[in-house]
Amino acid sequence: MQITKINTAQSHQIAKPHKKVWKNPLRDTGYAAVALGVASAAAAGNRKIKLHKYLAYASGVFTLVHIGIVEYYKHKKPVKTTSVIRQNS
């Protein structure tokens, strides 16, 4: 067995796992829309109308983004075609 010197200059080439900010944007936008909707309802219950209005707008924006992602995924999925062989019975 031969002993070799470890080169520390190549340490930057080691792949480090990068944490994604949005692991699942569909899930994250859905939770954000729901959380902001609940916060908006809580603000309305406490008669904080300005805060309620801004939270409702933010919830609406996240809801639209969520729907947009759903439609994107739906249209992105390839259409599966099946070849049917007709049999004379």
PDB file of N, CA and C in Angstrom:
ATOM      1  N   MET A   1       0.849  -1.171   0.000  1.00  0.00           N
ATOM      2  CA  MET A   1       0.000   0.000   0.000  1.00  0.00           C
ATOM      3  C   MET A   1       0.895   1.234   0.000  1.00  0.00           C
ATOM      4  N   GLN A   2       0.600   2.129  -0.897  1.00  0.00           N
ATOM      5  CA  GLN A   2       1.429   3.315  -1.042  1.00  0.00           C
ATOM      6  C   GLN A   2       0.765   4.488  -0.313  1.00  0.00           C
ATOM      7  N   ILE A   3       1.557   5.258   0.368  1.00  0.00           N
ATOM      8  CA  ILE A   3       1.059   6.422   1.093  1.00  0.00           C
ATOM      9  C   ILE A   3       1.201   7.638   0.195  1.00  0.00           C
ATOM     10  N   THR A   4       0.100   8.392   0.059  1.00  0.00           N
ATOM     11  CA  THR A   4       0.131   9.589  -0.766  1.00  0.00           C
ATOM     12  C   THR A   4      -0.207  10.803   0.079  1.00  0.00           C
ATOM     13  N   LYS A   5       0.273  11.934  -0.351  1.00  0.00           N
ATOM     14  CA  LYS A   5       0.025  13.182   0.354  1.00  0.00           C
ATOM     15  C   LYS A   5      -1.381  13.682   0.018  1.00  0.00           C
ATOM     16  N   ILE A   6      -2.083  14.164   1.015  1.00  0.00           N
ATOM     17  CA  ILE A   6      -3.416  14.711   0.820  1.00  0.00           C
ATOM     18  C   ILE A   6      -3.270  16.164   0.401  1.00  0.00           C
ATOM     19  N   ASN A   7      -3.859  16.502  -0.709  1.00  0.00           N
ATOM     20  CA  ASN A   7      -3.770  17.855  -1.227  1.00  0.00           C
ATOM     21  C   ASN A   7      -4.953  18.655  -0.690  1.00  0.00           C
ATOM     22  N   THR A   8      -4.685  19.665   0.109  1.00  0.00           N
ATOM     23  CA  THR A   8      -5.761  20.469   0.703  1.00  0.00           C
ATOM     24  C   THR A   8      -6.239  21.562  -0.236  1.00  0.00           C
ATOM     25  N   ALA A   9      -5.537  21.787  -1.323  1.00  0.00           N
ATOM     26  CA  ALA A   9      -5.954  22.819  -2.267  1.00  0.00           C
ATOM     27  C   ALA A   9      -7.220  22.414  -3.019  1.00  0.00           C
ATOM     28  N   GLN A  10      -7.547  21.144  -3.017  1.00  0.00           N
ATOM     29  CA  GLN A  10      -8.727  20.682  -3.733  1.00  0.00           C
ATOM     30  C   GLN A  10      -9.952  20.575  -2.834  1.00  0.00           C
ATOM     31  N   SER A  11      -9.885  21.142  -1.654  1.00  0.00           N
ATOM     32  CA  SER A  11     -11.013  21.031  -0.738  1.00  0.00           C
ATOM     33  C   SER A  11     -12.241  21.779  -1.253  1.00  0.00           C
ATOM     34  N   HIS A  12     -12.049  22.795  -2.113  1.00  0.00           N
ATOM     35  CA  HIS A  12     -13.191  23.518  -2.651  1.00  0.00           C
ATOM     36  C   HIS A  12     -13.958  22.699  -3.676  1.00  0.00           C
ATOM     37  N   GLN A  13     -13.367  21.626  -4.157  1.00  0.00           N
ATOM     38  CA  GLN A  13     -14.033  20.797  -5.145  1.00  0.00           C
ATOM     39  C   GLN A  13     -14.965  19.767  -4.517  1.00  0.00           C
ATOM     40  N   ILE A  14     -14.904  19.640  -3.215  1.00  0.00           N
ATOM     41  CA  ILE A  14     -15.783  18.695  -2.536  1.00  0.00           C
ATOM     42  C   ILE A  14     -17.203  19.261  -2.581  1.00  0.00           C
ATOM     43  N   ALA A  15     -18.120  18.445  -3.029  1.00  0.00           N
ATOM     44  CA  ALA A  15     -19.504  18.896  -3.175  1.00  0.00           C
ATOM     45  C   ALA A  15     -20.141  19.048  -1.810  1.00  0.00           C
ATOM     46  N   LYS A  16     -20.598  20.250  -1.536  1.00  0.00           N
ATOM     47  CA  LYS A  16     -21.312  20.510  -0.291  1.00  0.00           C
ATOM     48  C   LYS A  16     -22.803  20.517  -0.592  1.00  0.00           C
ATOM     49  N   PRO A  17     -23.584  19.909   0.260  1.00  0.00           N
ATOM     50  CA  PRO A  17     -25.029  19.924  -0.001  1.00  0.00           C
ATOM     51  C   PRO A  17     -25.580  21.341   0.182  1.00  0.00           C
ATOM     52  N   HIS A  18     -26.296  21.813  -0.816  1.00  0.00           N
ATOM     53  CA  HIS A  18     -26.890  23.138  -0.751  1.00  0.00           C
ATOM     54  C   HIS A  18     -28.346  22.998  -0.347  1.00  0.00           C
ATOM     55  N   LYS A  19     -28.726  23.791   0.624  1.00  0.00           N
ATOM     56  CA  LYS A  19     -30.104  23.750   1.073  1.00  0.00           C
ATOM     57  C   LYS A  19     -30.948  24.627   0.157  1.00  0.00           C
ATOM     58  N   LYS A  20     -31.982  24.049  -0.399  1.00  0.00           N
ATOM     59  CA  LYS A  20     -32.869  24.808  -1.260  1.00  0.00           C
ATOM     60  C   LYS A  20     -33.773  25.676  -0.401  1.00  0.00           C
ATOM     61  N   VAL A  21     -34.021  26.881  -0.887  1.00  0.00           N
ATOM     62  CA  VAL A  21     -34.902  27.772  -0.150  1.00  0.00           C
ATOM     63  C   VAL A  21     -36.338  27.261  -0.246  1.00  0.00           C
ATOM     64  N   TRP A  22     -36.741  26.931  -1.457  1.00  0.00           N
ATOM     65  CA  TRP A  22     -38.073  26.374  -1.663  1.00  0.00           C
ATOM     66  C   TRP A  22     -37.915  24.948  -2.135  1.00  0.00           C
ATOM     67  N   LYS A  23     -38.112  23.997  -1.255  1.00  0.00           N
ATOM     68  CA  LYS A  23     -37.993  22.601  -1.653  1.00  0.00           C
ATOM     69  C   LYS A  23     -39.182  22.185  -2.496  1.00  0.00           C
ATOM     70  N   ASN A  24     -40.335  22.668  -2.134  1.00  0.00           N
ATOM     71  CA  ASN A  24     -41.549  22.332  -2.870  1.00  0.00           C
ATOM     72  C   ASN A  24     -42.393  23.602  -2.956  1.00  0.00           C
ATOM     73  N   PRO A  25     -42.290  24.353  -4.042  1.00  0.00           N
ATOM     74  CA  PRO A  25     -43.007  25.625  -4.116  1.00  0.00           C
ATOM     75  C   PRO A  25     -44.526  25.473  -4.068  1.00  0.00           C
ATOM     76  N   LEU A  26     -45.033  24.366  -4.535  1.00  0.00           N
ATOM     77  CA  LEU A  26     -46.477  24.162  -4.489  1.00  0.00           C
ATOM     78  C   LEU A  26     -46.948  24.075  -3.045  1.00  0.00           C
ATOM     79  N   ARG A  27     -46.244  23.289  -2.244  1.00  0.00           N
ATOM     80  CA  ARG A  27     -46.601  23.156  -0.827  1.00  0.00           C
ATOM     81  C   ARG A  27     -46.404  24.482  -0.094  1.00  0.00           C
ATOM     82  N   ASP A  28     -45.294  25.148  -0.363  1.00  0.00           N
ATOM     83  CA  ASP A  28     -44.968  26.371   0.363  1.00  0.00           C
ATOM     84  C   ASP A  28     -45.952  27.496   0.067  1.00  0.00           C
ATOM     85  N   THR A  29     -46.353  27.656  -1.191  1.00  0.00           N
ATOM     86  CA  THR A  29     -47.312  28.713  -1.511  1.00  0.00           C
ATOM     87  C   THR A  29     -48.688  28.403  -0.930  1.00  0.00           C
ATOM     88  N   GLY A  30     -49.047  27.130  -0.884  1.00  0.00           N
ATOM     89  CA  GLY A  30     -50.328  26.763  -0.276  1.00  0.00           C
ATOM     90  C   GLY A  30     -50.365  27.065   1.206  1.00  0.00           C
ATOM     91  N   TYR A  31     -49.304  26.686   1.911  1.00  0.00           N
ATOM     92  CA  TYR A  31     -49.234  26.985   3.341  1.00  0.00           C
ATOM     93  C   TYR A  31     -49.175  28.483   3.599  1.00  0.00           C
ATOM     94  N   ALA A  32     -48.462  29.231   2.756  1.00  0.00           N
ATOM     95  CA  ALA A  32     -48.379  30.680   2.942  1.00  0.00           C
ATOM     96  C   ALA A  32     -49.747  31.326   2.754  1.00  0.00           C
ATOM     97  N   ALA A  33     -50.485  30.877   1.752  1.00  0.00           N
ATOM     98  CA  ALA A  33     -51.820  31.432   1.506  1.00  0.00           C
ATOM     99  C   ALA A  33     -52.755  31.148   2.681  1.00  0.00           C
ATOM    100  N   VAL A  34     -52.710  29.937   3.191  1.00  0.00           N
ATOM    101  CA  VAL A  34     -53.571  29.578   4.323  1.00  0.00           C
ATOM    102  C   VAL A  34     -53.173  30.353   5.579  1.00  0.00           C
ATOM    103  N   ALA A  35     -51.874  30.428   5.852  1.00  0.00           N
ATOM    104  CA  ALA A  35     -51.405  31.124   7.052  1.00  0.00           C
ATOM    105  C   ALA A  35     -51.767  32.609   7.007  1.00  0.00           C
ATOM    106  N   LEU A  36     -51.581  33.235   5.852  1.00  0.00           N
ATOM    107  CA  LEU A  36     -51.927  34.651   5.744  1.00  0.00           C
ATOM    108  C   LEU A  36     -53.440  34.863   5.799  1.00  0.00           C
ATOM    109  N   GLY A  37     -54.206  33.908   5.287  1.00  0.00           N
ATOM    110  CA  GLY A  37     -55.662  34.004   5.393  1.00  0.00           C
ATOM    111  C   GLY A  37     -56.130  33.923   6.836  1.00  0.00           C
ATOM    112  N   VAL A  38     -55.538  33.022   7.603  1.00  0.00           N
ATOM    113  CA  VAL A  38     -55.894  32.901   9.023  1.00  0.00           C
ATOM    114  C   VAL A  38     -55.465  34.153   9.785  1.00  0.00           C
ATOM    115  N   ALA A  39     -54.270  34.659   9.470  1.00  0.00           N
ATOM    116  CA  ALA A  39     -53.800  35.880  10.129  1.00  0.00           C
ATOM    117  C   ALA A  39     -54.696  37.061   9.777  1.00  0.00           C
ATOM    118  N   SER A  40     -55.178  37.103   8.540  1.00  0.00           N
ATOM    119  CA  SER A  40     -56.087  38.167   8.129  1.00  0.00           C
ATOM    120  C   SER A  40     -57.404  38.092   8.894  1.00  0.00           C
ATOM    121  N   ALA A  41     -57.916  36.876   9.068  1.00  0.00           N
ATOM    122  CA  ALA A  41     -59.155  36.707   9.832  1.00  0.00           C
ATOM    123  C   ALA A  41     -58.960  37.099  11.295  1.00  0.00           C
ATOM    124  N   ALA A  42     -57.808  36.754  11.858  1.00  0.00           N
ATOM    125  CA  ALA A  42     -57.530  37.130  13.246  1.00  0.00           C
ATOM    126  C   ALA A  42     -57.411  38.645  13.389  1.00  0.00           C
ATOM    127  N   ALA A  43     -56.801  39.288  12.422  1.00  0.00           N
ATOM    128  CA  ALA A  43     -56.685  40.746  12.471  1.00  0.00           C
ATOM    129  C   ALA A  43     -58.057  41.407  12.325  1.00  0.00           C
ATOM    130  N   ALA A  44     -58.914  40.833  11.497  1.00  0.00           N
ATOM    131  CA  ALA A  44     -60.264  41.387  11.334  1.00  0.00           C
ATOM    132  C   ALA A  44     -61.070  41.215  12.617  1.00  0.00           C
ATOM    133  N   GLY A  45     -60.850  40.107  13.312  1.00  0.00           N
ATOM    134  CA  GLY A  45     -61.555  39.881  14.567  1.00  0.00           C
ATOM    135  C   GLY A  45     -61.133  40.849  15.657  1.00  0.00           C
ATOM    136  N   ASN A  46     -59.914  41.345  15.556  1.00  0.00           N
ATOM    137  CA  ASN A  46     -59.422  42.313  16.549  1.00  0.00           C
ATOM    138  C   ASN A  46     -59.613  43.752  16.091  1.00  0.00           C
ATOM    139  N   ARG A  47     -60.383  43.951  15.030  1.00  0.00           N
ATOM    140  CA  ARG A  47     -60.710  45.268  14.485  1.00  0.00           C
ATOM    141  C   ARG A  47     -59.480  46.044  14.000  1.00  0.00           C
ATOM    142  N   LYS A  48     -58.473  45.325  13.527  1.00  0.00           N
ATOM    143  CA  LYS A  48     -57.295  45.966  12.942  1.00  0.00           C
ATOM    144  C   LYS A  48     -57.470  45.902  11.429  1.00  0.00           C
ATOM    145  N   ILE A  49     -58.222  46.838  10.912  1.00  0.00           N
ATOM    146  CA  ILE A  49     -58.677  46.778   9.527  1.00  0.00           C
ATOM    147  C   ILE A  49     -57.532  46.962   8.538  1.00  0.00           C
ATOM    148  N   LYS A  50     -56.586  47.873   8.810  1.00  0.00           N
ATOM    149  CA  LYS A  50     -55.469  48.071   7.884  1.00  0.00           C
ATOM    150  C   LYS A  50     -54.629  46.803   7.761  1.00  0.00           C
ATOM    151  N   LEU A  51     -54.302  46.189   8.888  1.00  0.00           N
ATOM    152  CA  LEU A  51     -53.517  44.958   8.877  1.00  0.00           C
ATOM    153  C   LEU A  51     -54.290  43.841   8.183  1.00  0.00           C
ATOM    154  N   HIS A  52     -55.599  43.786   8.450  1.00  0.00           N
ATOM    155  CA  HIS A  52     -56.455  42.781   7.812  1.00  0.00           C
ATOM    156  C   HIS A  52     -56.414  42.930   6.289  1.00  0.00           C
ATOM    157  N   LYS A  53     -56.478  44.167   5.823  1.00  0.00           N
ATOM    158  CA  LYS A  53     -56.493  44.417   4.384  1.00  0.00           C
ATOM    159  C   LYS A  53     -55.189  43.968   3.733  1.00  0.00           C
ATOM    160  N   TYR A  54     -54.055  44.313   4.325  1.00  0.00           N
ATOM    161  CA  TYR A  54     -52.761  43.940   3.756  1.00  0.00           C
ATOM    162  C   TYR A  54     -52.531  42.430   3.791  1.00  0.00           C
ATOM    163  N   LEU A  55     -52.940  41.791   4.875  1.00  0.00           N
ATOM    164  CA  LEU A  55     -52.798  40.334   4.957  1.00  0.00           C
ATOM    165  C   LEU A  55     -53.711  39.636   3.949  1.00  0.00           C
ATOM    166  N   ALA A  56     -54.888  40.197   3.726  1.00  0.00           N
ATOM    167  CA  ALA A  56     -55.800  39.609   2.742  1.00  0.00           C
ATOM    168  C   ALA A  56     -55.230  39.732   1.330  1.00  0.00           C
ATOM    169  N   TYR A  57     -54.618  40.886   1.020  1.00  0.00           N
ATOM    170  CA  TYR A  57     -53.980  41.044  -0.287  1.00  0.00           C
ATOM    171  C   TYR A  57     -52.842  40.045  -0.461  1.00  0.00           C
ATOM    172  N   ALA A  58     -52.017  39.893   0.559  1.00  0.00           N
ATOM    173  CA  ALA A  58     -50.893  38.960   0.480  1.00  0.00           C
ATOM    174  C   ALA A  58     -51.396  37.522   0.329  1.00  0.00           C
ATOM    175  N   SER A  59     -52.453  37.187   1.042  1.00  0.00           N
ATOM    176  CA  SER A  59     -53.034  35.850   0.926  1.00  0.00           C
ATOM    177  C   SER A  59     -53.572  35.617  -0.483  1.00  0.00           C
ATOM    178  N   GLY A  60     -54.193  36.623  -1.058  1.00  0.00           N
ATOM    179  CA  GLY A  60     -54.693  36.508  -2.425  1.00  0.00           C
ATOM    180  C   GLY A  60     -53.575  36.323  -3.439  1.00  0.00           C
ATOM    181  N   VAL A  61     -52.462  37.032  -3.238  1.00  0.00           N
ATOM    182  CA  VAL A  61     -51.324  36.893  -4.146  1.00  0.00           C
ATOM    183  C   VAL A  61     -50.753  35.486  -4.066  1.00  0.00           C
ATOM    184  N   PHE A  62     -50.579  34.973  -2.850  1.00  0.00           N
ATOM    185  CA  PHE A  62     -50.044  33.616  -2.706  1.00  0.00           C
ATOM    186  C   PHE A  62     -51.023  32.581  -3.258  1.00  0.00           C
ATOM    187  N   THR A  63     -52.307  32.834  -3.141  1.00  0.00           N
ATOM    188  CA  THR A  63     -53.291  31.917  -3.708  1.00  0.00           C
ATOM    189  C   THR A  63     -53.194  31.887  -5.231  1.00  0.00           C
ATOM    190  N   LEU A  64     -53.037  33.055  -5.840  1.00  0.00           N
ATOM    191  CA  LEU A  64     -52.897  33.106  -7.303  1.00  0.00           C
ATOM    192  C   LEU A  64     -51.609  32.431  -7.766  1.00  0.00           C
ATOM    193  N   VAL A  65     -50.525  32.626  -7.026  1.00  0.00           N
ATOM    194  CA  VAL A  65     -49.264  31.964  -7.373  1.00  0.00           C
ATOM    195  C   VAL A  65     -49.420  30.450  -7.242  1.00  0.00           C
ATOM    196  N   HIS A  66     -50.101  30.021  -6.186  1.00  0.00           N
ATOM    197  CA  HIS A  66     -50.332  28.594  -5.960  1.00  0.00           C
ATOM    198  C   HIS A  66     -51.139  27.992  -7.116  1.00  0.00           C
ATOM    199  N   ILE A  67     -52.197  28.662  -7.531  1.00  0.00           N
ATOM    200  CA  ILE A  67     -53.010  28.177  -8.641  1.00  0.00           C
ATOM    201  C   ILE A  67     -52.198  28.160  -9.931  1.00  0.00           C
ATOM    202  N   GLY A  68     -51.354  29.174 -10.118  1.00  0.00           N
ATOM    203  CA  GLY A  68     -50.501  29.216 -11.299  1.00  0.00           C
ATOM    204  C   GLY A  68     -49.533  28.049 -11.355  1.00  0.00           C
ATOM    205  N   ILE A  69     -48.964  27.689 -10.214  1.00  0.00           N
ATOM    206  CA  ILE A  69     -48.040  26.552 -10.171  1.00  0.00           C
ATOM    207  C   ILE A  69     -48.785  25.252 -10.450  1.00  0.00           C
ATOM    208  N   VAL A  70     -49.990  25.115  -9.926  1.00  0.00           N
ATOM    209  CA  VAL A  70     -50.788  23.914 -10.177  1.00  0.00           C
ATOM    210  C   VAL A  70     -51.074  23.780 -11.668  1.00  0.00           C
ATOM    211  N   GLU A  71     -51.471  24.871 -12.298  1.00  0.00           N
ATOM    212  CA  GLU A  71     -51.772  24.821 -13.727  1.00  0.00           C
ATOM    213  C   GLU A  71     -50.507  24.558 -14.544  1.00  0.00           C
ATOM    214  N   TYR A  72     -49.382  25.118 -14.119  1.00  0.00           N
ATOM    215  CA  TYR A  72     -48.122  24.873 -14.817  1.00  0.00           C
ATOM    216  C   TYR A  72     -47.760  23.398 -14.770  1.00  0.00           C
ATOM    217  N   TYR A  73     -47.866  22.802 -13.570  1.00  0.00           N
ATOM    218  CA  TYR A  73     -47.555  21.377 -13.441  1.00  0.00           C
ATOM    219  C   TYR A  73     -48.524  20.520 -14.255  1.00  0.00           C
ATOM    220  N   LYS A  74     -49.790  20.948 -14.305  1.00  0.00           N
ATOM    221  CA  LYS A  74     -50.793  20.174 -15.033  1.00  0.00           C
ATOM    222  C   LYS A  74     -50.516  20.188 -16.540  1.00  0.00           C
ATOM    223  N   HIS A  75     -50.099  21.325 -17.064  1.00  0.00           N
ATOM    224  CA  HIS A  75     -49.844  21.419 -18.505  1.00  0.00           C
ATOM    225  C   HIS A  75     -48.444  20.948 -18.874  1.00  0.00           C
ATOM    226  N   LYS A  76     -47.549  20.887 -17.913  1.00  0.00           N
ATOM    227  CA  LYS A  76     -46.184  20.444 -18.167  1.00  0.00           C
ATOM    228  C   LYS A  76     -46.104  18.928 -18.299  1.00  0.00           C
ATOM    229  N   LYS A  77     -46.995  18.234 -17.607  1.00  0.00           N
ATOM    230  CA  LYS A  77     -46.977  16.778 -17.606  1.00  0.00           C
ATOM    231  C   LYS A  77     -47.241  16.258 -19.008  1.00  0.00           C
ATOM    232  N   PRO A  78     -46.398  15.345 -19.498  1.00  0.00           N
ATOM    233  CA  PRO A  78     -46.608  14.838 -20.859  1.00  0.00           C
ATOM    234  C   PRO A  78     -47.893  14.010 -20.940  1.00  0.00           C
ATOM    235  N   VAL A  79     -48.519  14.090 -22.098  1.00  0.00           N
ATOM    236  CA  VAL A  79     -49.758  13.350 -22.322  1.00  0.00           C
ATOM    237  C   VAL A  79     -49.379  11.913 -22.657  1.00  0.00           C
ATOM    238  N   LYS A  80     -49.943  10.999 -21.914  1.00  0.00           N
ATOM    239  CA  LYS A  80     -49.669   9.588 -22.154  1.00  0.00           C
ATOM    240  C   LYS A  80     -50.635   9.078 -23.210  1.00  0.00           C
ATOM    241  N   THR A  81     -50.073   8.547 -24.259  1.00  0.00           N
ATOM    242  CA  THR A  81     -50.916   7.962 -25.297  1.00  0.00           C
ATOM    243  C   THR A  81     -50.789   6.446 -25.203  1.00  0.00           C
ATOM    244  N   THR A  82     -51.884   5.813 -25.347  1.00  0.00           N
ATOM    245  CA  THR A  82     -51.879   4.353 -25.307  1.00  0.00           C
ATOM    246  C   THR A  82     -52.309   3.840 -26.661  1.00  0.00           C
ATOM    247  N   SER A  83     -51.618   2.864 -27.114  1.00  0.00           N
ATOM    248  CA  SER A  83     -52.011   2.251 -28.385  1.00  0.00           C
ATOM    249  C   SER A  83     -52.883   1.045 -28.064  1.00  0.00           C
ATOM    250  N   VAL A  84     -54.073   1.123 -28.557  1.00  0.00           N
ATOM    251  CA  VAL A  84     -55.031   0.049 -28.299  1.00  0.00           C
ATOM    252  C   VAL A  84     -55.114  -0.820 -29.541  1.00  0.00           C
ATOM    253  N   ILE A  85     -54.898  -2.079 -29.358  1.00  0.00           N
ATOM    254  CA  ILE A  85     -55.011  -3.035 -30.460  1.00  0.00           C
ATOM    255  C   ILE A  85     -56.405  -3.638 -30.384  1.00  0.00           C
ATOM    256  N   ARG A  86     -57.159  -3.425 -31.433  1.00  0.00           N
ATOM    257  CA  ARG A  86     -58.510  -3.939 -31.426  1.00  0.00           C
ATOM    258  C   ARG A  86     -58.490  -5.410 -31.761  1.00  0.00           C
ATOM    259  N   GLN A  87     -59.206  -6.122 -30.981  1.00  0.00           N
ATOM    260  CA  GLN A  87     -59.279  -7.561 -31.206  1.00  0.00           C
ATOM    261  C   GLN A  87     -60.700  -7.900 -31.672  1.00  0.00           C
ATOM    262  N   ASN A  88     -60.762  -8.705 -32.666  1.00  0.00           N
ATOM    263  CA  ASN A  88     -62.071  -9.148 -33.144  1.00  0.00           C
ATOM    264  C   ASN A  88     -62.532 -10.292 -32.253  1.00  0.00           C
ATOM    265  N   SER A  89     -63.621 -10.059 -31.596  1.00  0.00           N
ATOM    266  CA  SER A  89     -64.113 -11.127 -30.725  1.00  0.00           C
ATOM    267  C   SER A  89     -65.467 -11.607 -31.140  1.00  0.00           C
TER     268      SER A  89
END
